[in-house]
Amino acid sequence: MNRWKNYRMELKRCRAGFSNEAVHDLRVATRRMLALIQLLNSISPRPRLQKLARAFKDQLDEFDDLRDTQVILAEISEILQELPQLQEFEKHLQFTEEKMLRTLRKKIKNLETSEVTRRIRKTHESIEGEMENDLETQIMQAIDDAYLLTKQRYAWIDLVRPATIHRVRIAFKSLRYMVEIIHPMLNDFPTDNLKRMNDYQSLMGEIQDAEVFAQTLADFSEHASFPDLEPVRRYYERRHAEAISAYVEKKNQLDTFWRPAPEGPFPWEKTE
């Protein structure tokens, strides 16, 4: 219930002052709620949890569109002097951002949480009453499964198909938030592991950001007169290649975040 309380607190703060920071914090709280619901549903599947997961996922999708736009705008502000061709694109995105903010502000203001609170309370009570004594074993199995899915997608990475890296990122994101939930249960869990997992996810996120920028620019250029885009394309081809290279250099770190099999030791438990 602590994560739900934190979510409601961030929602209240966002309503009181609709800043970029408040939206970001609400987005993080939403993602953490979704991770908790997914973890619970993997242990004890039930329709109520699936409905809650869909509700939080829909909310995240709206946040993600705004976040992508703001990331692109932040980058344009840094390179506009070098690439003045992006000026009209920047104006278009600023208009898009304002439109998204107005829509999201209204939705957040009208978001009703009483029904979700009721569902969460009932789910909490039913799971608490039905869970077997080996709850810890079930939780660890759920995270083992999340890690296995991440490793399977990792094995399918094809560097000429960046979408395969994005699929790893999606699976890893769920794994990371699950580990964040249960890490106090783990003996000798390294204090910097959560930051390292965030950094690892960010490496894949840089690749995705470059692709989103390129696709958003391509969509805009189809419907707008544009000066010479070749320097912009070269810039983002280079940025995309550099992001992939940075991930490739550290992609094997995945093996340091979780145990390879349920019966195996955690990486931080291994001795020299």
C-alpha atoms as a PDB file:
ATOM      1  CA  MET A   1       0.000   0.000   0.000  1.00  0.00           C
ATOM      2  CA  ASN A   2       2.989   2.332   0.436  1.00  0.00           C
ATOM      3  CA  ARG A   3       3.404   2.663  -3.330  1.00  0.00           C
ATOM      4  CA  TRP A   4      -0.249   3.569  -3.718  1.00  0.00           C
ATOM      5  CA  LYS A   5       0.115   6.220  -1.010  1.00  0.00           C
ATOM      6  CA  ASN A   6       3.162   7.595  -2.792  1.00  0.00           C
ATOM      7  CA  TYR A   7       1.278   7.633  -6.097  1.00  0.00           C
ATOM      8  CA  ARG A   8      -1.612   9.560  -4.547  1.00  0.00           C
ATOM      9  CA  MET A   9       0.818  12.010  -2.968  1.00  0.00           C
ATOM     10  CA  GLU A  10       2.505  12.666  -6.333  1.00  0.00           C
ATOM     11  CA  LEU A  11      -0.896  12.994  -8.008  1.00  0.00           C
ATOM     12  CA  LYS A  12      -1.932  15.582  -5.422  1.00  0.00           C
ATOM     13  CA  ARG A  13       1.343  17.463  -5.891  1.00  0.00           C
ATOM     14  CA  CYS A  14       0.923  17.420  -9.670  1.00  0.00           C
ATOM     15  CA  ARG A  15      -2.582  18.827  -9.361  1.00  0.00           C
ATOM     16  CA  ALA A  16      -1.359  21.589  -7.059  1.00  0.00           C
ATOM     17  CA  GLY A  17       1.499  22.622  -9.348  1.00  0.00           C
ATOM     18  CA  PHE A  18       1.622  21.207 -12.860  1.00  0.00           C
ATOM     19  CA  SER A  19       5.372  21.475 -13.441  1.00  0.00           C
ATOM     20  CA  ASN A  20       7.664  19.275 -15.515  1.00  0.00           C
ATOM     21  CA  GLU A  21       9.195  17.951 -12.291  1.00  0.00           C
ATOM     22  CA  ALA A  22       5.779  17.089 -10.829  1.00  0.00           C
ATOM     23  CA  VAL A  23       4.738  15.313 -14.033  1.00  0.00           C
ATOM     24  CA  HIS A  24       8.031  13.381 -14.060  1.00  0.00           C
ATOM     25  CA  ASP A  25       7.601  12.285 -10.427  1.00  0.00           C
ATOM     26  CA  LEU A  26       4.005  11.216 -11.062  1.00  0.00           C
ATOM     27  CA  ARG A  27       5.169   9.270 -14.099  1.00  0.00           C
ATOM     28  CA  VAL A  28       7.772   7.431 -11.981  1.00  0.00           C
ATOM     29  CA  ALA A  29       5.206   6.722  -9.249  1.00  0.00           C
ATOM     30  CA  THR A  30       2.820   5.377 -11.914  1.00  0.00           C
ATOM     31  CA  ARG A  31       5.498   3.092 -13.330  1.00  0.00           C
ATOM     32  CA  ARG A  32       6.298   1.787  -9.847  1.00  0.00           C
ATOM     33  CA  MET A  33       2.624   1.068  -9.224  1.00  0.00           C
ATOM     34  CA  LEU A  34       2.449  -0.811 -12.521  1.00  0.00           C
ATOM     35  CA  ALA A  35       5.528  -2.866 -11.613  1.00  0.00           C
ATOM     36  CA  LEU A  36       4.013  -3.806  -8.250  1.00  0.00           C
ATOM     37  CA  ILE A  37       0.725  -4.813  -9.876  1.00  0.00           C
ATOM     38  CA  GLN A  38       2.561  -6.897 -12.479  1.00  0.00           C
ATOM     39  CA  LEU A  39       4.568  -8.598  -9.737  1.00  0.00           C
ATOM     40  CA  LEU A  40       1.434  -9.405  -7.744  1.00  0.00           C
ATOM     41  CA  ASN A  41      -0.378 -10.630 -10.847  1.00  0.00           C
ATOM     42  CA  SER A  42       2.500 -12.961 -11.727  1.00  0.00           C
ATOM     43  CA  ILE A  43       2.233 -14.486  -8.249  1.00  0.00           C
ATOM     44  CA  SER A  44      -1.550 -14.613  -8.042  1.00  0.00           C
ATOM     45  CA  PRO A  45      -3.234 -13.836 -11.381  1.00  0.00           C
ATOM     46  CA  ARG A  46      -6.693 -12.286 -11.157  1.00  0.00           C
ATOM     47  CA  PRO A  47      -8.913 -10.093 -13.372  1.00  0.00           C
ATOM     48  CA  ARG A  48      -8.896  -7.210 -10.878  1.00  0.00           C
ATOM     49  CA  LEU A  49      -5.123  -6.901 -11.137  1.00  0.00           C
ATOM     50  CA  GLN A  50      -5.252  -7.069 -14.928  1.00  0.00           C
ATOM     51  CA  LYS A  51      -7.764  -4.199 -14.992  1.00  0.00           C
ATOM     52  CA  LEU A  52      -5.576  -2.138 -12.677  1.00  0.00           C
ATOM     53  CA  ALA A  53      -2.536  -2.843 -14.830  1.00  0.00           C
ATOM     54  CA  ARG A  54      -4.375  -1.664 -17.959  1.00  0.00           C
ATOM     55  CA  ALA A  55      -5.479   1.543 -16.224  1.00  0.00           C
ATOM     56  CA  PHE A  56      -1.949   2.439 -15.117  1.00  0.00           C
ATOM     57  CA  LYS A  57      -0.490   1.408 -18.490  1.00  0.00           C
ATOM     58  CA  ASP A  58      -2.910   3.731 -20.307  1.00  0.00           C
ATOM     59  CA  GLN A  59      -1.864   6.575 -18.041  1.00  0.00           C
ATOM     60  CA  LEU A  60       1.806   5.817 -18.661  1.00  0.00           C
ATOM     61  CA  ASP A  61       1.298   5.908 -22.424  1.00  0.00           C
ATOM     62  CA  GLU A  62       0.045   9.488 -22.165  1.00  0.00           C
ATOM     63  CA  PHE A  63       3.008  10.455 -19.990  1.00  0.00           C
ATOM     64  CA  ASP A  64       5.414   8.769 -22.394  1.00  0.00           C
ATOM     65  CA  ASP A  65       4.224  10.792 -25.396  1.00  0.00           C
ATOM     66  CA  LEU A  66       4.769  14.010 -23.450  1.00  0.00           C
ATOM     67  CA  ARG A  67       8.127  12.809 -22.196  1.00  0.00           C
ATOM     68  CA  ASP A  68       9.317  11.976 -25.730  1.00  0.00           C
ATOM     69  CA  THR A  69       8.334  15.446 -26.929  1.00  0.00           C
ATOM     70  CA  GLN A  70      10.103  17.140 -24.036  1.00  0.00           C
ATOM     71  CA  VAL A  71      13.262  15.070 -24.535  1.00  0.00           C
ATOM     72  CA  ILE A  72      13.409  16.097 -28.196  1.00  0.00           C
ATOM     73  CA  LEU A  73      12.832  19.757 -27.305  1.00  0.00           C
ATOM     74  CA  ALA A  74      15.599  19.656 -24.707  1.00  0.00           C
ATOM     75  CA  GLU A  75      18.015  18.245 -27.248  1.00  0.00           C
ATOM     76  CA  ILE A  76      17.036  20.740 -29.945  1.00  0.00           C
ATOM     77  CA  SER A  77      17.733  23.602 -27.542  1.00  0.00           C
ATOM     78  CA  GLU A  78      21.307  22.332 -27.237  1.00  0.00           C
ATOM     79  CA  ILE A  79      22.005  21.884 -30.956  1.00  0.00           C
ATOM     80  CA  LEU A  80      19.852  24.588 -32.564  1.00  0.00           C
ATOM     81  CA  GLN A  81      22.811  26.885 -33.089  1.00  0.00           C
ATOM     82  CA  GLU A  82      24.635  24.081 -34.892  1.00  0.00           C
ATOM     83  CA  LEU A  83      21.540  22.965 -36.823  1.00  0.00           C
ATOM     84  CA  PRO A  84      19.287  26.018 -37.389  1.00  0.00           C
ATOM     85  CA  GLN A  85      17.220  23.921 -39.813  1.00  0.00           C
ATOM     86  CA  LEU A  86      15.428  22.592 -36.736  1.00  0.00           C
ATOM     87  CA  GLN A  87      13.841  25.910 -35.799  1.00  0.00           C
ATOM     88  CA  GLU A  88      10.453  25.222 -37.409  1.00  0.00           C
ATOM     89  CA  PHE A  89      10.485  21.691 -36.016  1.00  0.00           C
ATOM     90  CA  GLU A  90      11.100  23.167 -32.557  1.00  0.00           C
ATOM     91  CA  LYS A  91       8.099  25.507 -32.934  1.00  0.00           C
ATOM     92  CA  HIS A  92       5.930  22.585 -34.004  1.00  0.00           C
ATOM     93  CA  LEU A  93       6.991  20.538 -30.978  1.00  0.00           C
ATOM     94  CA  GLN A  94       6.440  23.449 -28.604  1.00  0.00           C
ATOM     95  CA  PHE A  95       2.879  23.721 -29.901  1.00  0.00           C
ATOM     96  CA  THR A  96       2.466  19.943 -29.537  1.00  0.00           C
ATOM     97  CA  GLU A  97       3.841  20.055 -25.998  1.00  0.00           C
ATOM     98  CA  GLU A  98       1.407  22.798 -24.965  1.00  0.00           C
ATOM     99  CA  LYS A  99      -1.491  20.823 -26.410  1.00  0.00           C
ATOM    100  CA  MET A 100      -0.405  17.668 -24.563  1.00  0.00           C
ATOM    101  CA  LEU A 101       0.044  19.580 -21.315  1.00  0.00           C
ATOM    102  CA  ARG A 102      -3.448  21.073 -21.532  1.00  0.00           C
ATOM    103  CA  THR A 103      -4.974  17.662 -22.177  1.00  0.00           C
ATOM    104  CA  LEU A 104      -2.940  15.937 -19.475  1.00  0.00           C
ATOM    105  CA  ARG A 105      -3.589  18.707 -16.940  1.00  0.00           C
ATOM    106  CA  LYS A 106      -7.317  18.278 -17.450  1.00  0.00           C
ATOM    107  CA  LYS A 107      -7.150  14.476 -17.196  1.00  0.00           C
ATOM    108  CA  ILE A 108      -5.053  14.595 -14.036  1.00  0.00           C
ATOM    109  CA  LYS A 109      -7.419  17.116 -12.475  1.00  0.00           C
ATOM    110  CA  ASN A 110     -10.416  14.871 -13.231  1.00  0.00           C
ATOM    111  CA  LEU A 111      -8.704  11.574 -12.411  1.00  0.00           C
ATOM    112  CA  GLU A 112     -10.862   9.641  -9.971  1.00  0.00           C
ATOM    113  CA  THR A 113      -8.935   7.458  -7.529  1.00  0.00           C
ATOM    114  CA  SER A 114     -11.640   6.256  -5.153  1.00  0.00           C
ATOM    115  CA  GLU A 115     -12.537   3.243  -7.312  1.00  0.00           C
ATOM    116  CA  VAL A 116      -8.867   2.348  -7.762  1.00  0.00           C
ATOM    117  CA  THR A 117      -8.360   2.686  -4.005  1.00  0.00           C
ATOM    118  CA  ARG A 118     -11.245   0.270  -3.432  1.00  0.00           C
ATOM    119  CA  ARG A 119      -9.827  -2.232  -5.919  1.00  0.00           C
ATOM    120  CA  ILE A 120      -6.353  -2.029  -4.436  1.00  0.00           C
ATOM    121  CA  ARG A 121      -7.657  -2.494  -0.896  1.00  0.00           C
ATOM    122  CA  LYS A 122      -9.721  -5.537  -1.915  1.00  0.00           C
ATOM    123  CA  THR A 123      -6.809  -7.002  -3.867  1.00  0.00           C
ATOM    124  CA  HIS A 124      -4.454  -6.448  -0.936  1.00  0.00           C
ATOM    125  CA  GLU A 125      -6.872  -8.161   1.465  1.00  0.00           C
ATOM    126  CA  SER A 126      -7.564 -11.121  -0.812  1.00  0.00           C
ATOM    127  CA  ILE A 127      -3.904 -11.729  -1.641  1.00  0.00           C
ATOM    128  CA  GLU A 128      -2.927 -11.392   2.002  1.00  0.00           C
ATOM    129  CA  GLY A 129      -5.564 -13.980   2.918  1.00  0.00           C
ATOM    130  CA  GLU A 130      -4.787 -16.442   0.124  1.00  0.00           C
ATOM    131  CA  MET A 131      -1.016 -16.327  -0.044  1.00  0.00           C
ATOM    132  CA  GLU A 132       0.758 -19.444   1.066  1.00  0.00           C
ATOM    133  CA  ASN A 133       3.564 -19.397   3.585  1.00  0.00           C
ATOM    134  CA  ASP A 134       6.194 -19.479   0.835  1.00  0.00           C
ATOM    135  CA  LEU A 135       5.368 -15.965  -0.385  1.00  0.00           C
ATOM    136  CA  GLU A 136       9.060 -15.098  -0.621  1.00  0.00           C
ATOM    137  CA  THR A 137       9.659 -18.122  -2.857  1.00  0.00           C
ATOM    138  CA  GLN A 138       6.815 -17.056  -5.150  1.00  0.00           C
ATOM    139  CA  ILE A 139       8.159 -13.499  -5.363  1.00  0.00           C
ATOM    140  CA  MET A 140      11.643 -14.703  -6.205  1.00  0.00           C
ATOM    141  CA  GLN A 141      10.250 -17.046  -8.861  1.00  0.00           C
ATOM    142  CA  ALA A 142       8.383 -14.143 -10.458  1.00  0.00           C
ATOM    143  CA  ILE A 143      11.607 -12.140 -10.691  1.00  0.00           C
ATOM    144  CA  ASP A 144      13.526 -15.154 -11.960  1.00  0.00           C
ATOM    145  CA  ASP A 145      10.925 -15.359 -14.736  1.00  0.00           C
ATOM    146  CA  ALA A 146      11.283 -11.630 -15.501  1.00  0.00           C
ATOM    147  CA  TYR A 147      15.052 -12.042 -15.723  1.00  0.00           C
ATOM    148  CA  LEU A 148      14.699 -15.106 -17.967  1.00  0.00           C
ATOM    149  CA  LEU A 149      12.465 -13.124 -20.341  1.00  0.00           C
ATOM    150  CA  THR A 150      15.025 -10.321 -20.419  1.00  0.00           C
ATOM    151  CA  LYS A 151      17.827 -12.804 -21.154  1.00  0.00           C
ATOM    152  CA  GLN A 152      15.814 -14.435 -23.939  1.00  0.00           C
ATOM    153  CA  ARG A 153      15.283 -11.082 -25.621  1.00  0.00           C
ATOM    154  CA  TYR A 154      18.921 -10.201 -24.995  1.00  0.00           C
ATOM    155  CA  ALA A 155      19.955 -13.347 -26.885  1.00  0.00           C
ATOM    156  CA  TRP A 156      17.911 -12.157 -29.878  1.00  0.00           C
ATOM    157  CA  ILE A 157      19.638  -8.765 -30.137  1.00  0.00           C
ATOM    158  CA  ASP A 158      20.535  -7.895 -33.711  1.00  0.00           C
ATOM    159  CA  LEU A 159      22.469  -4.634 -33.875  1.00  0.00           C
ATOM    160  CA  VAL A 160      21.174  -3.843 -37.361  1.00  0.00           C
ATOM    161  CA  ARG A 161      17.637  -4.103 -35.949  1.00  0.00           C
ATOM    162  CA  PRO A 162      17.513  -1.694 -33.004  1.00  0.00           C
ATOM    163  CA  ALA A 163      13.937  -2.762 -32.257  1.00  0.00           C
ATOM    164  CA  THR A 164      15.467  -5.930 -30.762  1.00  0.00           C
ATOM    165  CA  ILE A 165      17.318  -3.748 -28.233  1.00  0.00           C
ATOM    166  CA  HIS A 166      14.100  -1.880 -27.442  1.00  0.00           C
ATOM    167  CA  ARG A 167      12.408  -5.194 -26.607  1.00  0.00           C
ATOM    168  CA  VAL A 168      15.207  -5.937 -24.140  1.00  0.00           C
ATOM    169  CA  ARG A 169      14.704  -2.488 -22.624  1.00  0.00           C
ATOM    170  CA  ILE A 170      10.986  -3.075 -22.063  1.00  0.00           C
ATOM    171  CA  ALA A 171      11.621  -6.400 -20.328  1.00  0.00           C
ATOM    172  CA  PHE A 172      14.541  -5.012 -18.332  1.00  0.00           C
ATOM    173  CA  LYS A 173      12.465  -2.052 -17.151  1.00  0.00           C
ATOM    174  CA  SER A 174       9.959  -4.433 -15.517  1.00  0.00           C
ATOM    175  CA  LEU A 175      12.806  -6.433 -13.987  1.00  0.00           C
ATOM    176  CA  ARG A 176      14.451  -3.299 -12.614  1.00  0.00           C
ATOM    177  CA  TYR A 177      11.316  -2.042 -10.883  1.00  0.00           C
ATOM    178  CA  MET A 178      10.597  -5.495  -9.439  1.00  0.00           C
ATOM    179  CA  VAL A 179      14.109  -5.661  -7.999  1.00  0.00           C
ATOM    180  CA  GLU A 180      13.609  -2.182  -6.593  1.00  0.00           C
ATOM    181  CA  ILE A 181      10.499  -3.439  -4.775  1.00  0.00           C
ATOM    182  CA  ILE A 182      12.057  -6.525  -3.175  1.00  0.00           C
ATOM    183  CA  HIS A 183      15.753  -5.661  -2.779  1.00  0.00           C
ATOM    184  CA  PRO A 184      15.467  -5.262   1.039  1.00  0.00           C
ATOM    185  CA  MET A 185      14.765  -9.016   1.095  1.00  0.00           C
ATOM    186  CA  LEU A 186      18.133  -9.774  -0.541  1.00  0.00           C
ATOM    187  CA  ASN A 187      21.178 -10.422   1.598  1.00  0.00           C
ATOM    188  CA  ASP A 188      24.198  -8.251   0.828  1.00  0.00           C
ATOM    189  CA  PHE A 189      22.459  -6.514  -2.077  1.00  0.00           C
ATOM    190  CA  PRO A 190      25.006  -3.966  -3.382  1.00  0.00           C
ATOM    191  CA  THR A 191      23.983  -0.431  -2.486  1.00  0.00           C
ATOM    192  CA  ASP A 192      24.793   0.881  -5.967  1.00  0.00           C
ATOM    193  CA  ASN A 193      22.960  -1.822  -7.927  1.00  0.00           C
ATOM    194  CA  LEU A 194      19.730   0.116  -8.363  1.00  0.00           C
ATOM    195  CA  LYS A 195      21.636   3.071  -9.812  1.00  0.00           C
ATOM    196  CA  ARG A 196      23.622   0.733 -12.057  1.00  0.00           C
ATOM    197  CA  MET A 197      20.394  -0.831 -13.312  1.00  0.00           C
ATOM    198  CA  ASN A 198      18.993   2.624 -14.039  1.00  0.00           C
ATOM    199  CA  ASP A 199      22.179   3.547 -15.909  1.00  0.00           C
ATOM    200  CA  TYR A 200      22.003   0.315 -17.917  1.00  0.00           C
ATOM    201  CA  GLN A 201      18.401   1.029 -18.857  1.00  0.00           C
ATOM    202  CA  SER A 202      19.378   4.576 -19.841  1.00  0.00           C
ATOM    203  CA  LEU A 203      21.947   3.252 -22.323  1.00  0.00           C
ATOM    204  CA  MET A 204      19.151   1.485 -24.183  1.00  0.00           C
ATOM    205  CA  GLY A 205      16.921   4.522 -23.724  1.00  0.00           C
ATOM    206  CA  GLU A 206      19.427   6.709 -25.570  1.00  0.00           C
ATOM    207  CA  ILE A 207      19.060   4.453 -28.614  1.00  0.00           C
ATOM    208  CA  GLN A 208      15.287   4.657 -28.420  1.00  0.00           C
ATOM    209  CA  ASP A 209      15.365   8.440 -27.986  1.00  0.00           C
ATOM    210  CA  ALA A 210      17.448   8.825 -31.136  1.00  0.00           C
ATOM    211  CA  GLU A 211      14.985   6.681 -33.083  1.00  0.00           C
ATOM    212  CA  VAL A 212      11.962   8.552 -31.742  1.00  0.00           C
ATOM    213  CA  PHE A 213      13.599  11.848 -32.721  1.00  0.00           C
ATOM    214  CA  ALA A 214      14.321  10.620 -36.237  1.00  0.00           C
ATOM    215  CA  GLN A 215      10.798   9.241 -36.721  1.00  0.00           C
ATOM    216  CA  THR A 216       9.123  12.360 -35.301  1.00  0.00           C
ATOM    217  CA  LEU A 217      11.232  14.543 -37.573  1.00  0.00           C
ATOM    218  CA  ALA A 218      10.419  12.362 -40.590  1.00  0.00           C
ATOM    219  CA  ASP A 219       6.686  12.594 -39.843  1.00  0.00           C
ATOM    220  CA  PHE A 220       6.918  16.380 -39.534  1.00  0.00           C
ATOM    221  CA  SER A 221       8.957  16.800 -42.712  1.00  0.00           C
ATOM    222  CA  GLU A 222       6.280  14.987 -44.727  1.00  0.00           C
ATOM    223  CA  HIS A 223       3.819  17.788 -44.033  1.00  0.00           C
ATOM    224  CA  ALA A 224       6.080  20.842 -43.819  1.00  0.00           C
ATOM    225  CA  SER A 225       8.467  22.687 -46.088  1.00  0.00           C
ATOM    226  CA  PHE A 226      11.909  22.096 -44.708  1.00  0.00           C
ATOM    227  CA  PRO A 227      15.377  23.442 -45.437  1.00  0.00           C
ATOM    228  CA  ASP A 228      18.210  21.039 -46.149  1.00  0.00           C
ATOM    229  CA  LEU A 229      17.762  18.128 -43.771  1.00  0.00           C
ATOM    230  CA  GLU A 230      20.918  16.284 -44.733  1.00  0.00           C
ATOM    231  CA  PRO A 231      23.069  17.769 -41.900  1.00  0.00           C
ATOM    232  CA  VAL A 232      20.326  16.834 -39.421  1.00  0.00           C
ATOM    233  CA  ARG A 233      20.155  13.280 -40.741  1.00  0.00           C
ATOM    234  CA  ARG A 234      23.919  12.922 -40.517  1.00  0.00           C
ATOM    235  CA  TYR A 235      23.870  14.241 -36.963  1.00  0.00           C
ATOM    236  CA  TYR A 236      21.261  11.722 -35.833  1.00  0.00           C
ATOM    237  CA  GLU A 237      22.779   8.833 -37.706  1.00  0.00           C
ATOM    238  CA  ARG A 238      25.992   9.558 -35.831  1.00  0.00           C
ATOM    239  CA  ARG A 239      24.165   9.992 -32.515  1.00  0.00           C
ATOM    240  CA  HIS A 240      22.271   6.736 -33.053  1.00  0.00           C
ATOM    241  CA  ALA A 241      25.453   4.824 -33.916  1.00  0.00           C
ATOM    242  CA  GLU A 242      27.225   6.239 -30.855  1.00  0.00           C
ATOM    243  CA  ALA A 243      24.313   5.231 -28.611  1.00  0.00           C
ATOM    244  CA  ILE A 244      24.401   1.668 -29.922  1.00  0.00           C
ATOM    245  CA  SER A 245      28.176   1.500 -29.457  1.00  0.00           C
ATOM    246  CA  ALA A 246      27.861   2.770 -25.871  1.00  0.00           C
ATOM    247  CA  TYR A 247      25.312   0.052 -25.091  1.00  0.00           C
ATOM    248  CA  VAL A 248      27.332  -2.699 -26.784  1.00  0.00           C
ATOM    249  CA  GLU A 249      30.335  -1.761 -24.675  1.00  0.00           C
ATOM    250  CA  LYS A 250      28.405  -2.430 -21.457  1.00  0.00           C
ATOM    251  CA  LYS A 251      25.612  -4.781 -22.482  1.00  0.00           C
ATOM    252  CA  ASN A 252      27.168  -7.750 -20.660  1.00  0.00           C
ATOM    253  CA  GLN A 253      26.459  -5.970 -17.367  1.00  0.00           C
ATOM    254  CA  LEU A 254      23.040  -7.601 -17.532  1.00  0.00           C
ATOM    255  CA  ASP A 255      24.569 -10.710 -15.992  1.00  0.00           C
ATOM    256  CA  THR A 256      25.549  -8.764 -12.854  1.00  0.00           C
ATOM    257  CA  PHE A 257      22.001  -7.809 -11.849  1.00  0.00           C
ATOM    258  CA  TRP A 258      20.350 -11.150 -11.085  1.00  0.00           C
ATOM    259  CA  ARG A 259      21.077 -14.838 -10.648  1.00  0.00           C
ATOM    260  CA  PRO A 260      21.276 -17.009 -13.777  1.00  0.00           C
ATOM    261  CA  ALA A 261      18.910 -19.658 -12.377  1.00  0.00           C
ATOM    262  CA  PRO A 262      16.742 -20.131  -9.259  1.00  0.00           C
ATOM    263  CA  GLU A 263      19.225 -22.567  -7.757  1.00  0.00           C
ATOM    264  CA  GLY A 264      22.245 -20.400  -8.530  1.00  0.00           C
ATOM    265  CA  PRO A 265      23.913 -17.707  -6.425  1.00  0.00           C
ATOM    266  CA  PHE A 266      23.408 -14.030  -7.017  1.00  0.00           C
ATOM    267  CA  PRO A 267      26.303 -12.342  -8.803  1.00  0.00           C
ATOM    268  CA  TRP A 268      27.264 -10.362  -5.701  1.00  0.00           C
ATOM    269  CA  GLU A 269      27.459 -13.613  -3.687  1.00  0.00           C
ATOM    270  CA  LYS A 270      30.146 -15.138  -5.887  1.00  0.00           C
ATOM    271  CA  THR A 271      33.618 -15.416  -4.433  1.00  0.00           C
ATOM    272  CA  GLU A 272      36.856 -14.980  -6.292  1.00  0.00           C
END
